[in-house]
């Protein structure tokens, strides 16, 4: 039988395992397992001598460390503590996760990668963590992480500023790209703060040099303060710092993002999802020409007039388009024959209607962010999308209410309640409706609309669909849904089981 004092010697033998995450050898595992059995037996004997249960034993070990007990019991408590600590430190060495084969570890690592939907881009693999953190766990994890090119195919940048010395360094980025091999890249970038333009430009040029490998590219440039230019005069430097202010100006010239000219457009054959916003100076029309397989496009940037094409652009692969108010000129020169999802801030109803008519009637989901009172402008837009299945209405919080603004939501519900010859006039195929509500919302009008659009008797013999899902969301944190929710739930039985109402 091993004495308690001997366990200290074994602890020193396996110190390289207890102070790291390294996997033990088979012979080490066998010996540690045997020692743990001996330690457990010894600890049980000491516990019975002291008449302690498990909880009391752990509590007394801690108390003994604090010298709360007399010297007469010190020897027994010292032995018990030695054995207890041996078990506590060496049992994790035999954990199954330490002995997983490299193939299983690699599969687990791959599950940390992002999913396809860029709107929920999972920023696990940023340039400060990601595969670097895996390689610090153990030698085995390092070997696996460095051998998996897929782990290095996606990365994100954020908080790139002068204080961080333009994190990440260009050398780090080069190493990252080298480890990714020739696989498609997923890149998320967010540039803000005090931009160090030369460092950022070098990094951006390196990323764009790999644009033929882009699969998902999301890039946002926020307002920034130009970095101080060193002149050698301290007074000049202080003056620049005191007068520095956020600038709405692109950090990089457009030729970095799109190529030198129309004859030298950068090819992006693998690009599927693209977003550019803020002060990024990129020509979206050149993007469409260079990315024939693009399916998702989101624009939140300004489009200068010299970017506009001489002839309209037709794209047959784009399925989802999200256009902010600042990029409103984009849809004036565009036709999308296979568009299925469209998110827009209505900068002009006539422009939206003309775009939807040119693109055909394939649209199934429409998300409207409203910068102006929307009620009187909704019908012309919806009349162009007879196959629409999902509609989301979001009122802008920064709009100054004008005449009729308070009745905005009422007007929308009234328009959806119009039925002619047993069929809804607007979007008869609508199956899901999501909208924001405020304190002035009238739930009785919603119930009236639901009664007309969610009964089989209305749509049973007509070419229309039942409204199955309704989502109501408070316009702000101050808006309480309790009143609306209690009113609707009390009368929900009149609607039957065909419609599902959710409160977000």
Protein backbone atom coordinates (compact mmCIF):
# COMPACT_ATOMS: atom_id res chain seq x y z
CA UNK A 1 0.00 0.00 0.00
CA UNK A 2 1.28 3.43 -0.92
CA UNK A 3 1.72 5.81 1.98
CA UNK A 4 0.34 9.37 1.76
CA UNK A 5 3.83 10.88 1.74
CA UNK A 6 4.74 8.89 -1.38
CA UNK A 7 1.94 10.48 -3.40
CA UNK A 8 3.92 13.72 -3.45
CA UNK A 9 6.73 11.97 -5.35
CA UNK A 10 4.28 10.67 -7.95
CA UNK A 11 2.80 14.16 -8.28
CA UNK A 12 6.22 15.46 -9.30
CA UNK A 13 6.60 12.62 -11.80
CA UNK A 14 3.45 13.59 -13.69
CA UNK A 15 3.72 17.34 -13.23
CA UNK A 16 3.99 17.80 -17.02
CA UNK A 17 0.48 16.34 -17.36
CA UNK A 18 -1.26 18.02 -14.42
CA UNK A 19 -0.02 21.48 -15.45
CA UNK A 20 -0.94 21.14 -19.13
CA UNK A 21 -3.53 19.63 -21.44
CA UNK A 22 -1.19 17.09 -22.98
CA UNK A 23 -2.42 13.56 -23.58
CA UNK A 24 -0.79 10.85 -21.41
CA UNK A 25 0.95 7.88 -22.97
CA UNK A 26 -0.71 4.50 -22.60
CA UNK A 27 1.82 3.40 -19.96
CA UNK A 28 1.29 6.68 -18.08
CA UNK A 29 -2.48 6.25 -18.20
CA UNK A 30 -2.23 2.74 -16.76
CA UNK A 31 0.05 3.82 -13.91
CA UNK A 32 -2.02 6.91 -13.06
CA UNK A 33 -5.20 4.82 -13.06
CA UNK A 34 -3.55 2.35 -10.64
CA UNK A 35 -2.33 5.19 -8.40
CA UNK A 36 -5.78 6.78 -8.34
CA UNK A 37 -7.24 3.49 -7.15
CA UNK A 38 -4.64 3.28 -4.38
CA UNK A 39 -5.24 6.92 -3.46
CA UNK A 40 -8.98 6.39 -3.29
CA UNK A 41 -8.50 3.44 -0.94
CA UNK A 42 -6.10 5.40 1.28
CA UNK A 43 -8.42 8.39 1.38
CA UNK A 44 -11.39 6.22 2.35
CA UNK A 45 -9.38 4.76 5.24
CA UNK A 46 -8.44 8.19 6.54
CA UNK A 47 -12.00 9.42 6.15
CA UNK A 48 -13.33 6.55 8.27
CA UNK A 49 -10.68 7.20 10.93
CA UNK A 50 -11.83 10.80 11.16
CA UNK A 51 -15.53 9.84 10.86
CA UNK A 52 -16.16 12.28 8.01
CA UNK A 53 -18.60 12.21 5.12
CA UNK A 54 -17.61 13.55 1.69
CA UNK A 55 -18.84 17.10 2.29
CA UNK A 56 -17.22 17.32 5.72
CA UNK A 57 -13.94 15.98 4.38
CA UNK A 58 -13.62 18.67 1.71
CA UNK A 59 -14.68 21.38 4.15
CA UNK A 60 -12.20 20.27 6.81
CA UNK A 61 -9.34 20.12 4.32
CA UNK A 62 -9.97 23.76 3.48
CA UNK A 63 -10.31 24.64 7.16
CA UNK A 64 -7.07 22.85 8.02
CA UNK A 65 -5.26 25.00 5.47
CA UNK A 66 -6.49 27.99 7.41
CA UNK A 67 -4.97 26.61 10.64
CA UNK A 68 -8.33 26.40 12.38
CA UNK A 69 -7.55 23.05 14.02
CA UNK A 70 -5.17 21.92 16.75
CA UNK A 71 -1.78 20.33 16.22
CA UNK A 72 -3.03 16.94 17.44
CA UNK A 73 -4.99 16.38 14.26
CA UNK A 74 -2.47 18.01 11.93
CA UNK A 75 -0.75 14.77 10.89
CA UNK A 76 -3.96 13.03 9.85
CA UNK A 77 -5.29 16.09 8.06
CA UNK A 78 -1.96 16.58 6.30
CA UNK A 79 -2.04 13.00 4.99
CA UNK A 80 -5.68 13.35 3.96
CA UNK A 81 -4.97 16.62 2.18
CA UNK A 82 -2.01 15.14 0.30
CA UNK A 83 -4.02 12.19 -1.00
CA UNK A 84 -7.08 14.33 -1.74
CA UNK A 85 -5.06 16.77 -3.85
CA UNK A 86 -3.40 13.91 -5.72
CA UNK A 87 -6.83 12.59 -6.75
CA UNK A 88 -8.15 16.06 -7.61
CA UNK A 89 -5.19 16.94 -9.85
CA UNK A 90 -4.62 13.57 -11.55
CA UNK A 91 -8.18 12.44 -12.27
CA UNK A 92 -8.62 15.01 -15.12
CA UNK A 93 -5.50 13.59 -16.78
CA UNK A 94 -7.54 10.49 -17.67
CA UNK A 95 -10.46 12.51 -19.09
CA UNK A 96 -11.73 11.21 -22.41
CA UNK A 97 -11.29 14.59 -24.11
CA UNK A 98 -7.52 14.32 -23.65
CA UNK A 99 -7.42 10.99 -25.45
CA UNK A 100 -9.63 11.80 -28.43
CA UNK A 101 -8.04 10.80 -31.74
CA UNK A 102 -7.00 13.65 -34.06
CA UNK A 103 -9.83 12.85 -36.49
CA UNK A 104 -12.49 13.45 -33.83
CA UNK A 105 -10.81 16.63 -32.58
CA UNK A 106 -10.71 17.92 -36.16
CA UNK A 107 -14.45 17.27 -36.61
CA UNK A 108 -15.18 19.17 -33.39
CA UNK A 109 -13.09 22.12 -34.57
CA UNK A 110 -14.96 22.25 -37.87
CA UNK A 111 -18.26 22.63 -36.02
CA UNK A 112 -17.07 26.02 -34.73
CA UNK A 113 -17.15 27.47 -38.24
CA UNK A 114 -19.88 29.92 -39.22
CA UNK A 115 -23.11 29.02 -40.91
CA UNK A 116 -24.09 30.35 -44.31
CA UNK A 117 -26.45 33.15 -43.28
CA UNK A 118 -24.25 36.25 -43.17
CA UNK A 119 -26.86 38.15 -41.11
CA UNK A 120 -25.94 35.91 -38.16
CA UNK A 121 -22.24 35.67 -38.90
CA UNK A 122 -20.61 33.89 -35.96
CA UNK A 123 -17.43 35.77 -35.08
CA UNK A 124 -15.55 32.88 -33.52
CA UNK A 125 -12.49 33.07 -35.71
CA UNK A 126 -11.30 36.59 -35.24
CA UNK A 127 -7.64 37.31 -35.76
CA UNK A 128 -6.90 37.50 -32.04
CA UNK A 129 -8.38 34.10 -31.17
CA UNK A 130 -9.65 31.47 -33.60
CA UNK A 131 -7.25 28.64 -34.44
CA UNK A 132 -4.51 30.40 -32.48
CA UNK A 133 -6.37 29.58 -29.25
CA UNK A 134 -6.74 25.91 -30.21
CA UNK A 135 -3.02 25.58 -30.75
CA UNK A 136 -2.31 26.77 -27.19
CA UNK A 137 -4.28 23.96 -25.53
CA UNK A 138 -1.92 21.05 -26.18
CA UNK A 139 0.56 19.68 -28.67
CA UNK A 140 -2.11 17.45 -30.21
CA UNK A 141 -4.59 20.30 -30.58
CA UNK A 142 -1.89 22.46 -32.13
CA UNK A 143 -1.05 19.75 -34.66
CA UNK A 144 -4.71 19.32 -35.60
CA UNK A 145 -5.49 23.05 -35.84
CA UNK A 146 -2.47 23.76 -38.02
CA UNK A 147 -3.30 20.87 -40.35
CA UNK A 148 -6.94 21.87 -40.97
CA UNK A 149 -7.02 24.45 -43.75
CA UNK A 150 -10.78 24.85 -43.26
CA UNK A 151 -10.21 26.49 -39.86
CA UNK A 152 -8.20 29.26 -41.48
CA UNK A 153 -10.72 29.98 -44.24
CA UNK A 154 -12.79 32.44 -42.22
CA UNK A 155 -11.73 35.30 -40.01
CA UNK A 156 -12.99 38.64 -38.77
CA UNK A 157 -11.38 41.99 -38.01
CA UNK A 158 -12.72 44.65 -35.70
CA UNK A 159 -11.56 47.70 -33.79
CA UNK A 160 -8.79 48.42 -36.26
CA UNK A 161 -7.30 51.66 -35.01
CA UNK A 162 -4.05 53.39 -34.28
CA UNK A 163 -3.96 52.28 -30.64
CA UNK A 164 -4.02 48.63 -31.69
CA UNK A 165 -1.34 49.24 -34.32
CA UNK A 166 -3.78 48.20 -37.01
CA UNK A 167 -4.57 44.80 -35.53
CA UNK A 168 -3.91 42.36 -37.08
CA UNK A 169 -0.39 42.98 -38.42
CA UNK A 170 0.07 42.31 -42.10
CA UNK A 171 2.47 39.48 -41.28
CA UNK A 172 -0.22 37.76 -39.22
CA UNK A 173 -2.69 38.12 -42.06
CA UNK A 174 -0.22 36.66 -44.55
CA UNK A 175 0.34 33.65 -42.31
CA UNK A 176 -3.41 33.20 -41.90
CA UNK A 177 -4.00 33.26 -45.66
CA UNK A 178 -1.12 30.83 -46.25
CA UNK A 179 -2.60 28.34 -43.80
CA UNK A 180 -5.98 28.49 -45.59
CA UNK A 181 -4.47 26.98 -48.72
CA UNK A 182 -6.61 27.45 -51.83
CA UNK A 183 -10.00 27.05 -50.12
CA UNK A 184 -12.79 29.67 -50.39
CA UNK A 185 -12.59 32.51 -47.85
CA UNK A 186 -15.19 33.98 -45.49
CA UNK A 187 -14.19 37.42 -44.27
CA UNK A 188 -15.86 39.84 -41.86
CA UNK A 189 -14.34 43.29 -41.36
CA UNK A 190 -15.37 46.27 -39.26
CA UNK A 191 -13.11 49.32 -39.41
CA UNK A 192 -13.62 52.15 -36.96
CA UNK A 193 -11.77 54.43 -34.60
CA UNK A 194 -8.58 56.31 -35.44
CA UNK A 195 -7.71 54.67 -38.72
CA UNK A 196 -4.05 54.27 -39.56
CA UNK A 197 -4.52 54.52 -43.29
CA UNK A 198 -1.15 53.15 -44.55
CA UNK A 199 -1.39 50.00 -42.40
CA UNK A 200 -5.05 49.50 -43.23
CA UNK A 201 -4.38 49.98 -46.94
CA UNK A 202 -1.65 47.32 -46.91
CA UNK A 203 -3.98 44.92 -45.16
CA UNK A 204 -6.89 45.67 -47.52
CA UNK A 205 -4.73 45.19 -50.62
CA UNK A 206 -3.61 41.82 -49.28
CA UNK A 207 -7.21 40.72 -48.69
CA UNK A 208 -8.38 41.95 -52.09
CA UNK A 209 -5.51 40.09 -53.75
CA UNK A 210 -7.36 36.94 -52.70
CA UNK A 211 -10.76 38.10 -53.99
CA UNK A 212 -10.88 35.20 -56.44
CA UNK A 213 -11.26 33.00 -53.33
CA UNK A 214 -13.96 35.05 -51.59
CA UNK A 215 -17.09 33.12 -50.73
CA UNK A 216 -18.57 35.46 -48.12
CA UNK A 217 -17.31 39.02 -47.76
CA UNK A 218 -18.76 41.43 -45.18
CA UNK A 219 -17.01 44.79 -44.74
CA UNK A 220 -18.08 47.89 -42.87
CA UNK A 221 -16.21 51.19 -42.54
CA UNK A 222 -17.55 53.50 -39.83
CA UNK A 223 -16.86 57.18 -39.29
CA UNK A 224 -13.26 57.70 -38.31
CA UNK A 225 -10.80 60.33 -37.15
CA UNK A 226 -7.74 60.75 -39.31
CA UNK A 227 -4.56 59.71 -37.52
CA UNK A 228 -2.21 62.50 -36.53
CA UNK A 229 0.55 63.23 -39.03
CA UNK A 230 3.91 63.55 -37.28
CA UNK A 231 5.67 66.78 -38.25
CA UNK A 232 8.31 66.92 -35.54
CA UNK A 233 6.60 69.88 -33.90
CA UNK A 234 4.75 68.92 -30.72
CA UNK A 235 2.51 71.99 -30.99
CA UNK A 236 1.38 70.95 -34.47
CA UNK A 237 0.58 67.45 -33.25
CA UNK A 238 -1.49 68.76 -30.34
CA UNK A 239 -3.35 71.12 -32.66
CA UNK A 240 -4.29 68.27 -34.99
CA UNK A 241 -5.48 66.11 -32.08
CA UNK A 242 -7.61 68.91 -30.66
CA UNK A 243 -9.28 69.68 -33.98
CA UNK A 244 -9.69 66.09 -35.19
CA UNK A 245 -13.28 65.14 -35.90
CA UNK A 246 -15.06 62.16 -37.45
CA UNK A 247 -14.85 62.23 -41.24
CA UNK A 248 -17.41 60.86 -43.69
CA UNK A 249 -14.77 60.05 -46.27
CA UNK A 250 -13.55 56.80 -47.73
CA UNK A 251 -10.36 55.45 -46.24
CA UNK A 252 -9.25 53.71 -49.41
CA UNK A 253 -9.62 54.51 -53.13
CA UNK A 254 -12.13 52.53 -55.14
CA UNK A 255 -9.47 50.91 -57.30
CA UNK A 256 -8.41 48.81 -54.32
CA UNK A 257 -11.85 47.19 -54.07
CA UNK A 258 -12.87 46.99 -57.74
CA UNK A 259 -9.78 47.21 -59.95
CA UNK A 260 -8.08 50.05 -61.76
CA UNK A 261 -10.79 50.59 -64.40
CA UNK A 262 -13.66 48.92 -66.23
CA UNK A 263 -11.23 46.89 -68.33
CA UNK A 264 -9.45 45.51 -65.25
CA UNK A 265 -12.34 44.34 -63.07
CA UNK A 266 -11.31 41.99 -60.27
CA UNK A 267 -12.72 38.50 -60.79
CA UNK A 268 -14.75 37.04 -57.92
CA UNK A 269 -16.11 33.76 -59.34
CA UNK A 270 -16.73 32.03 -55.98
CA UNK A 271 -18.42 34.94 -54.22
CA UNK A 272 -21.90 34.05 -52.92
CA UNK A 273 -22.62 36.66 -50.24
CA UNK A 274 -21.41 40.27 -50.14
CA UNK A 275 -22.03 43.25 -47.88
CA UNK A 276 -20.39 46.66 -47.99
CA UNK A 277 -21.39 49.59 -45.83
CA UNK A 278 -20.34 52.88 -44.31
CA UNK A 279 -17.58 54.71 -46.15
CA UNK A 280 -16.46 51.77 -48.30
CA UNK A 281 -15.89 53.05 -51.83
CA UNK A 282 -16.87 50.06 -53.93
CA UNK A 283 -18.80 49.96 -57.19
CA UNK A 284 -21.65 47.43 -56.82
CA UNK A 285 -22.23 47.32 -60.58
CA UNK A 286 -18.67 46.12 -61.17
CA UNK A 287 -19.27 43.60 -58.42
CA UNK A 288 -22.22 42.10 -60.28
CA UNK A 289 -20.12 41.82 -63.43
CA UNK A 290 -17.29 40.07 -61.60
CA UNK A 291 -19.42 37.76 -59.40
CA UNK A 292 -21.71 35.67 -61.62
CA UNK A 293 -22.57 33.29 -58.75
CA UNK A 294 -23.57 35.98 -56.25
CA UNK A 295 -26.80 35.05 -54.44
CA UNK A 296 -26.91 37.53 -51.51
CA UNK A 297 -26.10 41.24 -51.69
CA UNK A 298 -26.41 43.90 -48.99
CA UNK A 299 -25.49 47.54 -49.58
CA UNK A 300 -25.23 50.27 -46.97
CA UNK A 301 -22.87 52.63 -48.79
CA UNK A 302 -23.19 55.76 -50.87
CA UNK A 303 -23.18 55.29 -54.64
CA UNK A 304 -21.70 58.29 -56.49
CA UNK A 305 -23.10 59.21 -59.89
CA UNK A 306 -19.99 58.17 -61.82
CA UNK A 307 -20.56 54.58 -60.64
CA UNK A 308 -23.87 54.36 -62.51
CA UNK A 309 -23.74 52.19 -65.66
CA UNK A 310 -24.66 53.44 -69.11
CA UNK A 311 -27.06 50.51 -69.60
CA UNK A 312 -29.11 48.58 -67.01
CA UNK A 313 -27.53 45.51 -65.41
CA UNK A 314 -29.37 42.16 -65.47
CA UNK A 315 -28.37 39.47 -62.95
CA UNK A 316 -29.97 36.03 -62.95
CA UNK A 317 -28.46 34.45 -59.80
CA UNK A 318 -29.17 37.02 -57.07
CA UNK A 319 -31.82 35.74 -54.64
CA UNK A 320 -31.57 38.19 -51.72
CA UNK A 321 -31.07 41.96 -51.94
CA UNK A 322 -30.87 44.38 -49.00
CA UNK A 323 -30.62 48.07 -49.93
CA UNK A 324 -30.24 50.90 -47.41
CA UNK A 325 -31.46 54.41 -48.08
CA UNK A 326 -27.93 55.61 -48.93
CA UNK A 327 -27.71 53.06 -51.78
CA UNK A 328 -31.06 53.97 -53.32
CA UNK A 329 -29.59 54.65 -56.78
CA UNK A 330 -28.63 51.01 -57.11
CA UNK A 331 -32.05 49.58 -57.99
CA UNK A 332 -32.71 52.25 -60.65
CA UNK A 333 -30.23 50.52 -62.95
CA UNK A 334 -30.83 46.90 -62.01
CA UNK A 335 -33.05 43.97 -62.99
CA UNK A 336 -33.02 40.74 -60.97
CA UNK A 337 -34.93 37.97 -62.68
CA UNK A 338 -34.74 35.46 -59.79
CA UNK A 339 -35.15 37.74 -56.76
CA UNK A 340 -36.83 35.95 -53.82
CA UNK A 341 -36.08 38.18 -50.80
CA UNK A 342 -35.94 41.98 -50.82
CA UNK A 343 -35.19 44.27 -47.86
CA UNK A 344 -35.46 47.98 -48.50
CA UNK A 345 -35.77 51.41 -46.93
CA UNK A 346 -38.35 53.07 -49.22
CA UNK A 347 -36.60 56.14 -50.55
CA UNK A 348 -39.25 56.52 -53.24
CA UNK A 349 -42.29 54.36 -53.84
CA UNK A 350 -42.15 54.79 -57.61
CA UNK A 351 -38.54 53.56 -57.71
CA UNK A 352 -39.36 50.44 -55.71
CA UNK A 353 -42.44 49.69 -57.80
CA UNK A 354 -40.52 50.12 -61.07
CA UNK A 355 -37.73 47.84 -59.84
CA UNK A 356 -40.15 45.10 -58.76
CA UNK A 357 -42.02 45.26 -62.06
CA UNK A 358 -38.79 44.95 -64.06
CA UNK A 359 -37.65 42.04 -61.95
CA UNK A 360 -40.88 40.08 -62.40
CA UNK A 361 -43.16 38.52 -59.80
CA UNK A 362 -40.85 35.91 -58.23
CA UNK A 363 -40.52 37.78 -54.91
CA UNK A 364 -41.66 35.75 -51.88
CA UNK A 365 -40.32 37.77 -48.91
CA UNK A 366 -40.37 41.55 -48.49
CA UNK A 367 -38.85 43.48 -45.56
CA UNK A 368 -39.70 47.18 -45.45
CA UNK A 369 -37.88 49.64 -43.19
CA UNK A 370 -40.02 52.75 -43.23
CA UNK A 371 -38.38 56.22 -43.05
CA UNK A 372 -41.67 58.06 -43.71
CA UNK A 373 -45.36 57.40 -42.93
CA UNK A 374 -46.00 54.24 -44.88
CA UNK A 375 -49.73 53.65 -44.87
CA UNK A 376 -50.73 55.43 -48.08
CA UNK A 377 -47.68 54.13 -49.96
CA UNK A 378 -47.96 50.42 -49.21
CA UNK A 379 -50.55 49.36 -51.79
CA UNK A 380 -48.59 50.26 -54.96
CA UNK A 381 -45.63 48.23 -53.75
CA UNK A 382 -47.64 45.17 -52.71
CA UNK A 383 -49.68 45.16 -55.90
CA UNK A 384 -46.50 44.31 -57.82
CA UNK A 385 -45.75 41.15 -55.77
CA UNK A 386 -48.81 38.85 -55.98
CA UNK A 387 -46.81 35.78 -54.88
CA UNK A 388 -45.53 37.36 -51.67
CA UNK A 389 -45.57 34.90 -48.75
CA UNK A 390 -43.83 36.85 -45.98
CA UNK A 391 -44.03 40.57 -45.17
CA UNK A 392 -42.14 42.43 -42.43
CA UNK A 393 -42.89 46.08 -41.58
CA UNK A 394 -40.50 48.08 -39.41
CA UNK A 395 -41.13 51.72 -38.56
CA UNK A 396 -38.07 53.94 -38.28
CA UNK A 397 -37.49 55.27 -34.78
CA UNK A 398 -35.76 58.49 -35.90
CA UNK A 399 -38.65 59.84 -38.00
CA UNK A 400 -40.36 63.04 -36.90
CA UNK A 401 -44.07 62.14 -36.81
CA UNK A 402 -46.17 64.09 -39.24
CA UNK A 403 -49.91 64.29 -39.97
CA UNK A 404 -51.48 60.85 -39.94
CA UNK A 405 -48.37 59.19 -38.56
CA UNK A 406 -50.21 57.88 -35.50
CA UNK A 407 -52.73 56.10 -37.76
CA UNK A 408 -49.99 54.48 -39.81
CA UNK A 409 -50.40 50.96 -38.47
CA UNK A 410 -54.17 51.25 -38.50
CA UNK A 411 -54.06 52.09 -42.20
CA UNK A 412 -51.88 49.06 -42.93
CA UNK A 413 -54.24 46.66 -41.17
CA UNK A 414 -57.26 48.19 -42.88
CA UNK A 415 -55.68 47.64 -46.29
CA UNK A 416 -55.04 43.97 -45.50
CA UNK A 417 -58.66 43.59 -44.42
CA UNK A 418 -60.11 44.46 -47.82
CA UNK A 419 -61.69 41.39 -49.42
CA UNK A 420 -63.25 41.29 -52.86
CA UNK A 421 -65.26 38.32 -54.12
CA UNK A 422 -64.03 36.23 -51.20
CA UNK A 423 -60.34 36.95 -51.84
CA UNK A 424 -57.98 39.47 -50.20
CA UNK A 425 -57.16 42.31 -52.56
CA UNK A 426 -53.55 42.75 -51.40
CA UNK A 427 -51.08 39.84 -51.57
CA UNK A 428 -53.55 36.94 -51.48
CA UNK A 429 -50.67 34.48 -51.01
CA UNK A 430 -49.46 36.09 -47.77
CA UNK A 431 -48.77 33.47 -45.08
CA UNK A 432 -46.63 35.37 -42.55
CA UNK A 433 -46.84 38.97 -41.29
CA UNK A 434 -44.38 40.66 -38.92
CA UNK A 435 -44.82 44.24 -37.74
CA UNK A 436 -43.82 46.62 -34.99
CA UNK A 437 -46.50 48.13 -32.78
CA UNK A 438 -46.65 51.06 -30.39
CA UNK A 439 -48.92 52.13 -27.54
CA UNK A 440 -51.54 53.44 -29.98
CA UNK A 441 -51.93 50.02 -31.63
CA UNK A 442 -55.55 48.84 -31.84
CA UNK A 443 -55.69 45.03 -31.48
CA UNK A 444 -59.35 44.85 -32.55
CA UNK A 445 -58.33 45.87 -36.07
CA UNK A 446 -55.74 43.10 -36.13
CA UNK A 447 -58.38 40.54 -35.11
CA UNK A 448 -60.70 41.76 -37.83
CA UNK A 449 -57.96 41.33 -40.42
CA UNK A 450 -57.09 37.86 -39.12
CA UNK A 451 -60.71 36.73 -39.19
CA UNK A 452 -60.88 37.68 -42.85
CA UNK A 453 -57.53 36.16 -43.90
CA UNK A 454 -57.16 33.07 -41.72
CA UNK A 455 -60.41 31.21 -42.28
CA UNK A 456 -60.58 28.28 -44.71
CA UNK A 457 -63.99 29.48 -45.84
CA UNK A 458 -62.40 32.60 -47.31
CA UNK A 459 -59.56 30.94 -49.22
CA UNK A 460 -60.88 27.44 -49.69
CA UNK A 461 -62.16 27.90 -53.25
CA UNK A 462 -59.99 30.83 -54.26
CA UNK A 463 -56.41 31.26 -55.39
CA UNK A 464 -55.14 32.54 -52.03
CA UNK A 465 -53.36 31.25 -48.95
CA UNK A 466 -54.29 31.32 -45.29
CA UNK A 467 -52.41 33.78 -43.09
CA UNK A 468 -50.71 31.33 -40.70
CA UNK A 469 -48.17 33.34 -38.68
CA UNK A 470 -48.29 36.83 -37.15
CA UNK A 471 -45.38 38.35 -35.19
CA UNK A 472 -45.90 41.49 -33.11
CA UNK A 473 -42.89 43.33 -31.74
CA UNK A 474 -42.68 46.38 -29.48
CA UNK A 475 -41.31 49.36 -31.37
CA UNK A 476 -39.00 50.15 -28.44
CA UNK A 477 -38.15 48.81 -25.00
CA UNK A 478 -40.70 51.17 -23.46
CA UNK A 479 -43.59 49.62 -25.42
CA UNK A 480 -45.44 46.99 -23.41
CA UNK A 481 -47.13 44.15 -25.27
CA UNK A 482 -49.11 43.08 -22.19
CA UNK A 483 -52.27 44.99 -23.15
CA UNK A 484 -52.28 43.78 -26.74
CA UNK A 485 -51.36 40.24 -25.75
CA UNK A 486 -54.12 39.90 -23.14
CA UNK A 487 -56.73 41.28 -25.55
CA UNK A 488 -55.79 38.90 -28.36
CA UNK A 489 -55.41 35.80 -26.18
CA UNK A 490 -58.86 36.38 -24.71
CA UNK A 491 -60.36 36.24 -28.20
CA UNK A 492 -57.97 33.82 -29.86
CA UNK A 493 -60.50 31.01 -29.80
CA UNK A 494 -62.58 32.84 -32.39
CA UNK A 495 -59.71 32.52 -34.87
CA UNK A 496 -59.46 28.74 -34.67
CA UNK A 497 -56.18 26.86 -34.90
CA UNK A 498 -55.11 28.08 -38.34
CA UNK A 499 -53.13 31.13 -37.24
CA UNK A 500 -50.19 31.34 -34.81
CA UNK A 501 -49.60 34.69 -33.06
CA UNK A 502 -46.19 35.44 -31.51
CA UNK A 503 -45.17 38.36 -29.29
CA UNK A 504 -41.51 39.35 -29.55
